[in-house]
Every structure is written in structure tokens, then in C-alpha cells.
Amino acid sequence: MICCQQIERVGPQLESLSPLVECYRRGEFDFPDRALRWLDETEKLLAGLRVPGSTEIVTLKGRILKAADSLAADEGKPARSRVRSARNAAAMSALERAEEILRDCRAQAEDRLDQFEGKLCEGLTALSLQVPLPDRYEPATAWLTEIWTIMAQTPPTRPLATYLAASLSMVDRLFLLDTVLSRLESLPPRA
């Protein structure tokens, strides 16, 4: 699981929910269909990220589709207004649950990165006291990889590098490394 990509991709999907809620508030006729399309996108997003939740999204879509079936008909088919109202309610309920799933997904990724960021900060502090770190250069990925290699080869920080390598993807390690180094670079020089 690549946490930084999860955070990056889930954010815009959550932001795209606001226009749907506005559509519901205005009572737009196509709200349930738009909600289904959004849920389709969310399902694909979660499946692509390989995180739990995509199967629950399928169930949420099913609830919208069967909303009219759950209405008890007085004499024959239920009134169109009741069907529309049931579909709207099911769609809004599905969107609320899908939002929770996405927020949980993003929060778990953020928590995981936060957990390792503190450890990396300690390790980089120790590393910078042991060896001089190369100045930033482009491409940034090459610079970050060089610092990671130095960290993995320096005896005091080697155990941490091994631990982080076993715990995080290379993308997340470089993302955190860049975050911590940016903070270190912004510190005022010691007098």
C-alpha cells in the first residue's frame, strides 16, 4: 500500500462529493444516477488502491438500485414520487457511508505516515550529526535516493533504514524523507 498516493487520490474524490450534496439539496431529478456514477468512480479508486471498502461500495450501489423494490405498493405500483423519494434517500445514505469509507482510508494512510515520520526525523537528525548530507539537486528523486542510501549504509542509522524499508514502500519512504528534509532545511543555521 502506498500511503502518500492514497492520500493524494482520495482527497479529490472527497471534494467531488460536495456538488452531489448540492444536487440533492436542490432536489435535482438525476441525483440518484449521479450518486451511482460517483460510487462507481469511488469503487474503482478503492480497488485500484487495493484498500478495503470497494466491496462495500458495491453493496451501497445495490441499495440505491433496489430502493423502489422495498416500497410496499398499496394497489399495484407505488407512486412515482414515493419511488423518487426512496431512491433519493437511499442515494444520500449511500453517499454518507461512502464518505466515511474514504475518510477512514485517508486517515489510516495519514496515521501510518505520521507514525513513521517521527522515527525518520530522529534518524535523519542522527545521520546529519554523523555525515554531511549532500545539497539538494535535481532530479529530487535521485537526491532523496542518495540520502536514503547513505542512511542505509551508516551504522547508527542502518537499523532504522532496514525497519522503514520493511514497513513502507519506497515511494512512501522518499515522500517522508522529502518532508523531513524540507523541514530540516528550513531550520535557521546554528550560530
Foldseek 3Di string as FASTA:
>chain_A
DALVVLLVVLVVLLVVCVVLVVCLVVVPQCSLVVLLVSLVVLLVSCVVVVHPDSVVSVVLNVQLVCQLVPDDPPPPGNDPVSNSVSSSVSSVVSSVVSSVVSVVSNVVSVVLLVVLLVVVLVLVVVLCVVDPQDDQDPPNVVSLVVVLVSQCPDVVNVVVSVVCVVRHPPNSSSVSSVVSVVVVVPDDDDD
